[in-house]
Protein backbone atom coordinates (compact mmCIF):
# COMPACT_ATOMS: atom_id res chain seq x y z
CA UNK A 1 -35.41 14.78 2.43
CA UNK A 2 -31.67 14.25 1.94
CA UNK A 3 -30.02 11.18 2.90
CA UNK A 4 -27.95 11.69 5.96
CA UNK A 5 -24.70 9.93 7.01
CA UNK A 6 -23.48 10.70 10.54
CA UNK A 7 -19.76 10.83 11.00
CA UNK A 8 -18.82 8.67 14.11
CA UNK A 9 -15.98 6.44 15.19
CA UNK A 10 -18.14 3.37 14.02
CA UNK A 11 -16.54 1.23 11.18
CA UNK A 12 -16.95 2.85 7.84
CA UNK A 13 -17.10 0.37 5.09
CA UNK A 14 -15.97 0.78 1.20
CA UNK A 15 -19.84 -0.03 0.48
CA UNK A 16 -20.99 2.72 2.67
CA UNK A 17 -18.35 5.35 1.19
CA UNK A 18 -19.68 4.47 -2.34
CA UNK A 19 -23.41 4.76 -1.01
CA UNK A 20 -22.62 8.01 0.37
CA UNK A 21 -21.03 9.40 -2.64
CA UNK A 22 -23.57 8.06 -5.29
CA UNK A 23 -26.75 8.56 -2.88
CA UNK A 24 -25.90 12.23 -2.64
CA UNK A 25 -25.95 12.06 0.99
CA UNK A 26 -25.10 14.97 3.29
CA UNK A 27 -22.91 14.50 6.21
CA UNK A 28 -23.08 15.46 10.00
CA UNK A 29 -20.90 15.02 12.92
CA UNK A 30 -22.26 12.75 15.67
CA UNK A 31 -22.11 13.86 19.11
CA UNK A 32 -19.27 11.51 20.04
CA UNK A 33 -17.14 12.71 17.23
CA UNK A 34 -17.92 16.39 18.19
CA UNK A 35 -16.63 15.59 21.86
CA UNK A 36 -13.48 13.65 20.52
CA UNK A 37 -12.44 16.51 18.31
CA UNK A 38 -13.12 19.15 20.86
CA UNK A 39 -11.32 17.00 23.77
CA UNK A 40 -8.25 16.56 21.64
CA UNK A 41 -7.90 20.13 20.87
CA UNK A 42 -8.26 21.13 24.31
CA UNK A 43 -5.70 18.78 25.49
CA UNK A 44 -3.07 20.01 22.92
CA UNK A 45 -3.83 23.69 23.72
CA UNK A 46 -3.08 22.97 27.50
CA UNK A 47 -0.05 20.88 26.36
CA UNK A 48 1.42 23.94 24.57
CA UNK A 49 0.63 26.28 27.64
CA UNK A 50 2.10 24.01 30.03
CA UNK A 51 4.96 22.06 28.31
CA UNK A 52 8.58 23.28 27.47
CA UNK A 53 9.27 20.31 25.39
CA UNK A 54 9.12 20.99 21.58
CA UNK A 55 6.31 19.32 19.82
CA UNK A 56 7.06 18.49 16.23
CA UNK A 57 5.12 20.55 13.57
CA UNK A 58 3.22 22.41 16.55
CA UNK A 59 6.20 24.29 18.00
CA UNK A 60 8.81 23.50 15.71
CA UNK A 61 9.19 23.65 12.05
CA UNK A 62 8.45 20.81 9.49
CA UNK A 63 10.57 18.01 7.89
CA UNK A 64 14.33 18.83 8.34
CA UNK A 65 13.35 21.99 9.93
CA UNK A 66 12.18 20.02 12.89
CA UNK A 67 14.93 21.57 15.25
CA UNK A 68 13.85 25.30 14.86
CA UNK A 69 11.41 26.22 17.47
CA UNK A 70 8.50 28.59 16.64
CA UNK A 71 7.45 31.29 18.93
CA UNK A 72 3.81 31.21 20.26
CA UNK A 73 3.00 34.32 18.43
CA UNK A 74 4.13 32.65 15.03
CA UNK A 75 2.20 29.33 15.60
CA UNK A 76 -0.95 30.10 13.52
CA UNK A 77 1.24 31.79 10.82
CA UNK A 78 3.28 28.40 10.82
CA UNK A 79 0.37 26.60 9.67
CA UNK A 80 -1.02 29.01 6.95
CA UNK A 81 2.78 29.05 5.56
CA UNK A 82 2.73 25.21 5.67
CA UNK A 83 -0.49 25.21 3.49
CA UNK A 84 0.73 27.68 1.06
CA UNK A 85 4.20 26.38 0.48
CA UNK A 86 3.22 22.86 0.14
CA UNK A 87 0.53 23.53 -2.69
CA UNK A 88 2.67 22.65 -5.43
CA UNK A 89 0.70 20.32 -7.51
CA UNK A 90 0.79 19.99 -11.45
CA UNK A 91 -0.57 18.12 -14.26
CA UNK A 92 -4.35 17.11 -14.76
CA UNK A 93 -6.94 17.85 -12.25
CA UNK A 94 -8.21 14.95 -9.84
CA UNK A 95 -11.72 14.17 -10.98
CA UNK A 96 -14.37 15.70 -8.89
CA UNK A 97 -15.63 12.21 -7.68
CA UNK A 98 -12.27 11.49 -6.10
CA UNK A 99 -11.95 15.05 -4.51
CA UNK A 100 -15.42 14.45 -2.88
CA UNK A 101 -13.74 10.98 -1.86
CA UNK A 102 -10.88 12.92 -0.44
CA UNK A 103 -12.75 15.17 1.59
CA UNK A 104 -15.14 12.55 3.25
CA UNK A 105 -11.97 10.33 4.08
CA UNK A 106 -10.23 13.44 5.62
CA UNK A 107 -13.35 14.37 7.78
CA UNK A 108 -13.43 10.54 8.81
CA UNK A 109 -9.80 10.54 9.87
CA UNK A 110 -10.12 14.00 11.66
CA UNK A 111 -13.30 12.79 13.58
CA UNK A 112 -11.51 10.29 15.62
CA UNK A 113 -10.01 12.86 17.98
CA UNK A 114 -6.29 12.23 17.42
CA UNK A 115 -5.48 15.09 15.31
CA UNK A 116 -6.13 18.15 17.51
CA UNK A 117 -8.12 19.94 14.68
CA UNK A 118 -10.64 22.54 15.81
CA UNK A 119 -14.42 21.67 15.57
CA UNK A 120 -15.09 24.44 13.27
CA UNK A 121 -12.42 23.36 10.63
CA UNK A 122 -13.88 19.91 10.44
CA UNK A 123 -17.52 21.41 10.25
CA UNK A 124 -16.09 23.56 7.14
CA UNK A 125 -14.96 20.58 5.33
CA UNK A 126 -18.49 19.10 5.84
CA UNK A 127 -19.77 22.11 4.38
CA UNK A 128 -17.65 21.58 1.41
CA UNK A 129 -19.05 17.95 0.99
CA UNK A 130 -22.47 18.86 1.56
CA UNK A 131 -22.45 21.69 -0.89
CA UNK A 132 -20.67 20.16 -3.60
CA UNK A 133 -17.61 22.28 -3.48
CA UNK A 134 -14.71 20.73 -5.29
CA UNK A 135 -11.32 22.15 -4.39
CA UNK A 136 -8.88 21.99 -7.57
CA UNK A 137 -6.51 19.25 -6.91
CA UNK A 138 -3.67 18.20 -9.19
CA UNK A 139 -2.88 14.61 -10.10
CA UNK A 140 1.13 15.14 -9.58
CA UNK A 141 3.26 16.31 -6.78
CA UNK A 142 2.87 13.57 -3.87
CA UNK A 143 5.40 11.09 -2.88
CA UNK A 144 3.11 9.39 -0.60
CA UNK A 145 5.06 10.15 2.76
CA UNK A 146 4.65 12.51 4.85
CA UNK A 147 1.21 11.65 3.36
CA UNK A 148 -0.14 13.37 0.49
CA UNK A 149 1.19 16.72 1.44
CA UNK A 150 0.76 18.35 -2.05
CA UNK A 151 -2.67 17.21 -3.01
CA UNK A 152 -4.19 17.77 0.59
CA UNK A 153 -2.75 21.18 0.63
CA UNK A 154 -4.69 22.10 -2.65
CA UNK A 155 -7.61 20.32 -0.98
CA UNK A 156 -7.39 22.56 2.01
CA UNK A 157 -6.27 25.91 0.86
CA UNK A 158 -9.88 26.95 0.20
CA UNK A 159 -10.64 26.57 3.93
CA UNK A 160 -8.58 29.90 4.53
CA UNK A 161 -9.84 31.54 1.36
CA UNK A 162 -6.92 30.58 -0.77
CA UNK A 163 -6.45 28.17 -3.74
CA UNK A 164 -9.39 27.25 -5.99
CA UNK A 165 -12.57 25.47 -6.34
CA UNK A 166 -15.22 24.33 -8.71
CA UNK A 167 -18.65 25.11 -7.74
CA UNK A 168 -21.94 24.71 -9.44
CA UNK A 169 -19.59 24.01 -12.54
CA UNK A 170 -17.66 27.41 -12.30
CA UNK A 171 -14.02 27.85 -11.29
CA UNK A 172 -13.46 30.46 -8.76
CA UNK A 173 -10.71 31.36 -6.06
CA UNK A 174 -11.29 30.33 -2.56
CA UNK A 175 -11.64 34.05 -1.53
CA UNK A 176 -14.50 34.30 -4.08
CA UNK A 177 -16.26 31.25 -2.59
CA UNK A 178 -16.01 32.45 0.86
CA UNK A 179 -17.60 35.73 -0.34
CA UNK A 180 -20.34 33.82 -2.29
CA UNK A 181 -21.05 31.69 0.64
CA UNK A 182 -21.14 34.41 3.24
CA UNK A 183 -18.25 32.44 5.05
CA UNK A 184 -15.26 33.87 7.00
CA UNK A 185 -11.83 32.00 6.22
CA UNK A 186 -10.89 29.37 8.77
CA UNK A 187 -8.47 30.74 11.19
CA UNK A 188 -6.04 27.80 11.61
CA UNK A 189 -4.64 26.96 15.27
CA UNK A 190 -1.35 25.30 16.00
CA UNK A 191 -0.98 21.73 14.39
CA UNK A 192 -4.02 22.14 12.22
CA UNK A 193 -2.31 22.82 8.83
CA UNK A 194 -0.10 19.52 9.62
CA UNK A 195 -3.56 17.84 10.54
CA UNK A 196 -4.78 18.79 7.04
CA UNK A 197 -1.76 18.04 4.91
CA UNK A 198 -0.46 14.85 6.59
CA UNK A 199 -2.60 11.85 5.92
CA UNK A 200 -3.24 9.35 3.13
CA UNK A 201 -6.59 10.66 1.98
CA UNK A 202 -5.48 11.35 -1.78
CA UNK A 203 -3.83 7.85 -1.95
CA UNK A 204 -6.78 6.37 -0.10
CA UNK A 205 -9.49 8.05 -2.46
CA UNK A 206 -7.94 6.89 -5.61
CA UNK A 207 -7.88 3.44 -4.00
CA UNK A 208 -11.41 3.34 -2.90
CA UNK A 209 -12.55 4.48 -6.41
CA UNK A 210 -10.62 2.00 -7.92
CA UNK A 211 -11.53 -1.12 -6.02
CA UNK A 212 -15.08 -0.19 -6.56
CA UNK A 213 -14.57 0.15 -10.29
CA UNK A 214 -12.39 -3.10 -10.45
CA UNK A 215 -15.07 -5.03 -8.63
CA UNK A 216 -17.69 -3.95 -11.10
CA UNK A 217 -15.37 -4.56 -14.12
CA UNK A 218 -14.50 -8.01 -12.93
CA UNK A 219 -18.07 -8.85 -12.71
CA UNK A 220 -18.56 -7.44 -16.35
CA UNK A 221 -15.74 -9.42 -17.63
CA UNK A 222 -17.23 -12.71 -16.72
CA UNK A 223 -20.40 -11.85 -18.51
CA UNK A 224 -18.53 -10.56 -21.58
CA UNK A 225 -16.54 -13.47 -21.65
CA UNK A 226 -19.44 -15.79 -21.62
CA UNK A 227 -20.86 -14.12 -24.74
CA UNK A 228 -17.45 -14.58 -26.27
CA UNK A 229 -17.19 -18.12 -25.24
CA UNK A 230 -20.64 -18.72 -26.93
CA UNK A 231 -19.84 -16.81 -30.07
CA UNK A 232 -16.38 -18.75 -30.31
CA UNK A 233 -18.20 -22.05 -29.98
CA UNK A 234 -16.05 -22.69 -26.94
CA UNK A 235 -16.58 -25.72 -24.35
CA UNK A 236 -18.10 -25.54 -21.13
CA UNK A 237 -16.02 -28.45 -19.57
CA UNK A 238 -13.24 -26.30 -18.16
CA UNK A 239 -15.80 -24.60 -15.91
CA UNK A 240 -16.91 -27.80 -14.38
CA UNK A 241 -16.68 -27.63 -10.49
CA UNK A 242 -14.59 -30.99 -10.39
CA UNK A 243 -11.80 -29.12 -12.20
CA UNK A 244 -11.59 -26.18 -9.35
CA UNK A 245 -12.28 -28.32 -6.48
CA UNK A 246 -8.50 -29.75 -6.95
CA UNK A 247 -7.23 -26.56 -7.20
CA UNK A 248 -9.72 -24.59 -4.68
CA UNK A 249 -8.78 -20.79 -5.09
CA UNK A 250 -11.76 -18.89 -4.07
CA UNK A 251 -11.77 -16.64 -6.92
CA UNK A 252 -11.33 -19.45 -9.40
CA UNK A 253 -14.27 -21.40 -7.75
CA UNK A 254 -16.20 -18.20 -7.90
CA UNK A 255 -15.54 -17.58 -11.57
CA UNK A 256 -16.16 -21.22 -12.81
CA UNK A 257 -19.54 -20.99 -10.80
CA UNK A 258 -20.51 -17.59 -11.99
CA UNK A 259 -19.88 -18.29 -15.74
CA UNK A 260 -21.48 -21.67 -15.43
CA UNK A 261 -24.66 -20.04 -14.32
CA UNK A 262 -24.53 -17.27 -16.83
CA UNK A 263 -24.40 -19.71 -19.78
CA UNK A 264 -26.98 -22.19 -18.26
CA UNK A 265 -29.39 -23.11 -21.15
CA UNK A 266 -27.44 -22.09 -23.97
CA UNK A 267 -27.98 -23.83 -27.22
CA UNK A 268 -24.64 -23.05 -28.43
CA UNK A 269 -22.69 -24.36 -25.38
CA UNK A 270 -24.62 -27.78 -25.79
CA UNK A 271 -23.84 -28.20 -29.20
CA UNK A 272 -21.25 -30.97 -30.58
CA UNK A 273 -17.94 -29.49 -30.68
CA UNK A 274 -15.22 -30.58 -33.45
CA UNK A 275 -12.41 -29.26 -31.27
CA UNK A 276 -11.26 -30.90 -28.17
CA UNK A 277 -9.70 -27.66 -26.61
CA UNK A 278 -10.10 -24.16 -26.55
CA UNK A 279 -7.33 -21.42 -26.44
CA UNK A 280 -6.14 -20.40 -23.08
CA UNK A 281 -8.01 -17.14 -23.11
CA UNK A 282 -11.21 -19.05 -23.05
CA UNK A 283 -10.06 -22.36 -21.19
CA UNK A 284 -8.19 -20.31 -18.50
CA UNK A 285 -10.83 -17.78 -17.80
CA UNK A 286 -11.46 -19.31 -14.19
CA UNK A 287 -7.96 -18.99 -13.24
CA UNK A 288 -7.19 -15.60 -14.57
CA UNK A 289 -10.48 -14.00 -13.75
CA UNK A 290 -10.39 -15.66 -10.41
CA UNK A 291 -6.94 -14.46 -9.70
CA UNK A 292 -8.27 -11.18 -10.03
CA UNK A 293 -11.15 -11.38 -7.97
CA UNK A 294 -8.75 -12.57 -5.24
CA UNK A 295 -6.58 -9.62 -5.74
CA UNK A 296 -9.42 -7.12 -5.41
CA UNK A 297 -10.64 -8.97 -2.34
CA UNK A 298 -7.32 -8.41 -0.84
CA UNK A 299 -6.91 -4.85 -1.68
CA UNK A 300 -10.38 -4.13 -0.37
CA UNK A 301 -9.34 -5.65 3.06
CA UNK A 302 -6.32 -3.41 3.36
CA UNK A 303 -8.28 -0.32 2.22
CA UNK A 304 -11.12 -1.15 4.79
CA UNK A 305 -8.42 -0.74 7.74
CA UNK A 306 -6.78 2.46 6.00
CA UNK A 307 -10.05 4.47 5.50
CA UNK A 308 -10.69 3.78 9.19
CA UNK A 309 -7.60 5.15 10.73
CA UNK A 310 -5.85 8.33 11.64
CA UNK A 311 -2.89 9.07 9.38
CA UNK A 312 -1.41 12.49 10.21
CA UNK A 313 1.62 13.28 12.41
CA UNK A 314 1.97 13.73 15.28
CA UNK A 315 -0.73 11.69 16.80
CA UNK A 316 -2.30 13.07 19.92
CA UNK A 317 -3.58 10.46 22.40
CA UNK A 318 -5.28 12.57 25.20
CA UNK A 319 -6.28 9.22 27.14
CA UNK A 320 -2.40 8.24 27.45
CA UNK A 321 -1.14 12.01 27.68
CA UNK A 322 0.96 11.23 24.67
CA UNK A 323 1.97 13.50 21.75
CA UNK A 324 3.87 11.05 19.39
CA UNK A 325 5.80 11.95 16.24
CA UNK A 326 5.81 8.91 14.24
CA UNK A 327 4.87 7.44 10.77
CA UNK A 328 1.28 6.77 10.19
CA UNK A 329 1.32 9.04 7.12
CA UNK A 330 3.50 6.68 5.21
CA UNK A 331 1.65 5.33 2.19
CA UNK A 332 3.45 1.95 1.86
CA UNK A 333 0.45 0.01 3.27
CA UNK A 334 -1.69 0.81 0.39
CA UNK A 335 0.90 1.70 -2.29
CA UNK A 336 2.04 -2.10 -2.59
CA UNK A 337 -1.44 -3.24 -2.87
CA UNK A 338 -2.49 -0.56 -5.45
CA UNK A 339 0.46 -1.75 -7.58
CA UNK A 340 -0.76 -5.29 -7.36
CA UNK A 341 -4.28 -4.28 -8.07
CA UNK A 342 -2.99 -2.33 -11.39
CA UNK A 343 -1.30 -5.59 -12.32
CA UNK A 344 -4.45 -7.74 -12.02
CA UNK A 345 -6.72 -5.29 -13.83
CA UNK A 346 -3.91 -5.12 -16.57
CA UNK A 347 -4.28 -8.91 -16.89
CA UNK A 348 -8.09 -8.70 -16.98
CA UNK A 349 -7.86 -6.56 -20.08
CA UNK A 350 -4.90 -8.70 -21.53
CA UNK A 351 -6.92 -11.95 -21.49
CA UNK A 352 -9.75 -9.84 -22.83
CA UNK A 353 -7.93 -8.73 -25.74
CA UNK A 354 -6.67 -12.29 -26.59
CA UNK A 355 -10.34 -13.26 -26.85
CA UNK A 356 -11.22 -10.24 -29.15
CA UNK A 357 -8.29 -11.48 -31.34
CA UNK A 358 -9.70 -14.98 -31.53
CA UNK A 359 -13.07 -13.65 -32.47
CA UNK A 360 -11.78 -11.71 -35.50
CA UNK A 361 -9.30 -14.38 -36.58
CA UNK A 362 -11.61 -16.17 -39.12
CA UNK A 363 -11.62 -19.43 -37.13
CA UNK A 364 -14.35 -21.56 -35.65
CA UNK A 365 -16.61 -20.77 -38.69
CA UNK A 366 -16.71 -17.01 -38.09
CA UNK A 367 -15.82 -14.81 -41.20
CA UNK A 368 -12.57 -13.05 -41.00
CA UNK A 369 -12.88 -9.58 -38.99
CA UNK A 370 -16.62 -10.39 -38.54
CA UNK A 371 -18.11 -8.92 -41.75
CA UNK A 372 -19.91 -11.20 -44.46
CA UNK A 373 -17.74 -9.71 -47.08
CA UNK A 374 -14.14 -9.30 -45.95
CA UNK A 375 -11.74 -7.65 -48.16
CA UNK A 376 -13.90 -4.86 -49.28
CA UNK A 377 -14.89 -4.38 -45.78
CA UNK A 378 -12.18 -4.47 -43.09
CA UNK A 379 -14.95 -4.94 -40.43
CA UNK A 380 -13.69 -5.41 -36.94
CA UNK A 381 -9.82 -5.56 -37.97
CA UNK A 382 -8.85 -2.29 -36.23
CA UNK A 383 -10.96 -2.29 -32.79
CA UNK A 384 -8.51 -5.17 -32.11
CA UNK A 385 -5.60 -2.81 -32.89
CA UNK A 386 -7.09 -0.33 -30.55
CA UNK A 387 -7.51 -2.99 -27.63
CA UNK A 388 -3.85 -3.99 -28.23
CA UNK A 389 -2.61 -0.53 -28.05
CA UNK A 390 -4.40 0.21 -24.86
CA UNK A 391 -3.38 -3.38 -23.24
CA UNK A 392 0.50 -2.50 -24.38
CA UNK A 393 -0.04 0.91 -22.51
CA UNK A 394 -1.43 -0.72 -19.29
CA UNK A 395 1.57 -3.07 -19.09
CA UNK A 396 4.08 -0.09 -19.10
CA UNK A 397 1.99 1.29 -16.22
CA UNK A 398 2.29 -1.96 -14.20
CA UNK A 399 6.00 -1.04 -13.20
CA UNK A 400 5.45 -0.72 -9.43
CA UNK A 401 5.47 2.80 -8.09
CA UNK A 402 6.11 1.48 -4.57
CA UNK A 403 9.52 -0.13 -5.70
CA UNK A 404 10.94 3.61 -6.07
CA UNK A 405 11.79 5.96 -3.45
CA UNK A 406 13.61 9.42 -3.67
CA UNK A 407 14.50 10.96 -0.60
CA UNK A 408 13.14 14.39 0.17
CA UNK A 409 13.35 17.24 2.87
CA UNK A 410 17.06 17.20 2.84
CA UNK A 411 17.17 13.39 3.79
CA UNK A 412 14.86 13.55 6.64
CA UNK A 413 12.10 11.95 4.77
CA UNK A 414 14.52 9.40 3.44
CA UNK A 415 12.27 6.78 2.32
CA UNK A 416 8.91 7.44 0.63
CA UNK A 417 6.13 5.18 -0.77
CA UNK A 418 5.20 7.00 -4.02
CA UNK A 419 1.75 5.73 -3.22
CA UNK A 420 0.20 8.44 -5.24
CA UNK A 421 1.75 7.62 -8.25
CA UNK A 422 0.61 4.05 -7.76
CA UNK A 423 -2.98 5.40 -7.13
CA UNK A 424 -2.91 7.70 -10.37
CA UNK A 425 -1.42 4.75 -12.49
CA UNK A 426 -4.04 2.30 -11.10
CA UNK A 427 -6.67 4.82 -12.26
CA UNK A 428 -5.52 4.92 -15.75
CA UNK A 429 -5.31 1.20 -15.68
CA UNK A 430 -8.92 0.90 -14.62
CA UNK A 431 -10.03 3.22 -17.27
CA UNK A 432 -7.94 1.11 -19.99
CA UNK A 433 -9.48 -1.96 -18.59
CA UNK A 434 -12.83 -0.60 -19.05
CA UNK A 435 -12.25 0.21 -22.65
CA UNK A 436 -10.73 -3.19 -23.64
CA UNK A 437 -13.66 -4.97 -21.99
CA UNK A 438 -15.92 -2.48 -23.93
CA UNK A 439 -14.28 -3.46 -27.37
CA UNK A 440 -14.61 -7.12 -26.42
CA UNK A 441 -18.17 -6.86 -25.95
CA UNK A 442 -18.46 -4.92 -29.26
CA UNK A 443 -16.67 -8.02 -31.18
CA UNK A 444 -18.67 -10.73 -28.88
CA UNK A 445 -22.13 -9.38 -30.10
CA UNK A 446 -21.15 -9.01 -33.66
CA UNK A 447 -19.86 -12.63 -33.48
CA UNK A 448 -22.88 -14.00 -31.87
CA UNK A 449 -25.10 -12.83 -34.66
CA UNK A 450 -23.17 -15.24 -37.02
CA UNK A 451 -24.36 -18.00 -34.81
CA UNK A 452 -28.11 -17.85 -35.54
CA UNK A 453 -30.49 -19.34 -35.34
CA UNK A 454 -28.99 -20.98 -32.50
CA UNK A 455 -29.13 -19.14 -29.43
CA UNK A 456 -26.85 -18.44 -26.22
CA UNK A 457 -28.32 -18.53 -22.79
CA UNK A 458 -31.24 -16.48 -21.50
CA UNK A 459 -28.82 -14.27 -19.56
CA UNK A 460 -26.40 -13.75 -22.42
CA UNK A 461 -29.22 -13.10 -24.81
CA UNK A 462 -30.88 -10.53 -22.32
CA UNK A 463 -27.62 -8.82 -22.17
CA UNK A 464 -27.24 -8.99 -26.15
CA UNK A 465 -30.60 -7.49 -26.44
CA UNK A 466 -29.97 -4.65 -24.16
CA UNK A 467 -26.83 -3.69 -25.72
CA UNK A 468 -28.31 -3.95 -29.42
CA UNK A 469 -30.32 -1.19 -28.36
CA UNK A 470 -27.32 1.17 -28.27
CA UNK A 471 -24.92 -0.67 -30.73
CA UNK A 472 -26.24 -2.07 -33.82
CA UNK A 473 -24.95 -5.10 -35.98
CA UNK A 474 -22.40 -3.87 -38.32
CA UNK A 475 -23.08 -5.25 -41.92
CA UNK A 476 -20.56 -3.11 -43.87
CA UNK A 477 -17.57 -0.71 -43.01
CA UNK A 478 -18.76 2.26 -41.16
CA UNK A 479 -17.16 4.94 -38.79
CA UNK A 480 -16.54 2.82 -35.58
CA UNK A 481 -15.26 5.14 -32.92
CA UNK A 482 -18.87 6.14 -32.03
CA UNK A 483 -19.78 2.67 -31.31
CA UNK A 484 -16.75 1.87 -29.11
CA UNK A 485 -17.58 5.04 -27.17
CA UNK A 486 -21.28 3.80 -26.70
CA UNK A 487 -19.88 0.53 -25.64
CA UNK A 488 -17.86 1.97 -22.75
CA UNK A 489 -20.88 4.08 -21.77
CA UNK A 490 -23.08 0.99 -21.80
CA UNK A 491 -20.58 -0.66 -19.06
CA UNK A 492 -20.74 2.60 -17.31
CA UNK A 493 -24.41 2.93 -16.96
CA UNK A 494 -26.07 -0.43 -17.69
CA UNK A 495 -27.27 -2.79 -14.84
CA UNK A 496 -26.00 -6.29 -15.31
CA UNK A 497 -28.91 -8.78 -16.09
């Protein structure tokens, strides 16, 4: 039996989103959501039939064409034209996992009954999700207001038999999919194209994915830094609670406590030290890793609001007899936090690379570049170069996308968030941070072996033992890149001790 998640107006948490995605859940509409969707659609149909007042995007054109009225016989054509004309994406494909997140978030947003989508349209989106049908969506093209028009156009074109999808590992047209599945293309009613294309689900999906990965990598960073600290013969005093009680940022407190726990029982940490201080990349782990934790926590709070919101335009509110053209599609509320999170994750990689540099520096009794015979062997000289290159790239990606705005639609849309660019940049920074932490682990495990027979803590030694099952000790020069790749895969698949 497949796991089933019922779409409802109940609060959708980020943890639940990830559980649905990774647990191969199927979706179904709850009765309340069905009633909300049908009621809103019926309300709009009645409003169109009885009102002479133009309704933006429903009986008018879009953007700067808002003042052009559309005849009743062309309302459906207007929606199809909108979808076709807005599918202008380019660049790399959005990964399937994020595309599936986009579909889930779009379904959730439409289910509240403020968008006036037809029931069969929402149900077809659920069919896409449940059958692992991935519309081909491109990374570039959205300015993040009027929502994610371009990527959402690509996401939804297959509903009407257009665009492209990946299904069962094969690329095919939307028309071919319809034929294979025995489906008829959805016939869009008034406002539906706008409901599907308006919204922040592309930005929201990148943000959700990034927060989940950032939380995981932040946790990994503490374990890897603990191994590095012991391998570097570092001191434990900077992690004492008394230090952080007088500057009680929550992330700082949590990090100091976490690393103290990880290193409990270490022979290396207890041995007498000749040095009275460690470099900042070791001594300031609680302050830097802690600030990252606090940033992740803040961005998660913002995203929690966003994924439980209706973000298309106009907003249709049957209970108050209102159809309001406003700006819930604007990505600024998550564009700014995504830029913030990119900076935080870049810093997590930055301090990680500095620890790697210290491990290969030939100090604290460790051999130069972590090989027994440096000179003939370059050892771990170049993995640090690679980490430095990646960190430098992430720094260049930290220019805030949300600091920019280029007017569109003849100036009607004169301030945009560039939140989609913030999302794709954040995605790349997350991947970069994972790679840099993997390189630190590669170095830390190598360095730890030069401290034998003394051992680290049981937790660190368990991590070391698991890692050694996939990456060996390097005693002489060898081709290194496969071990770096295995280290990255280890972080992705290994459960923390």
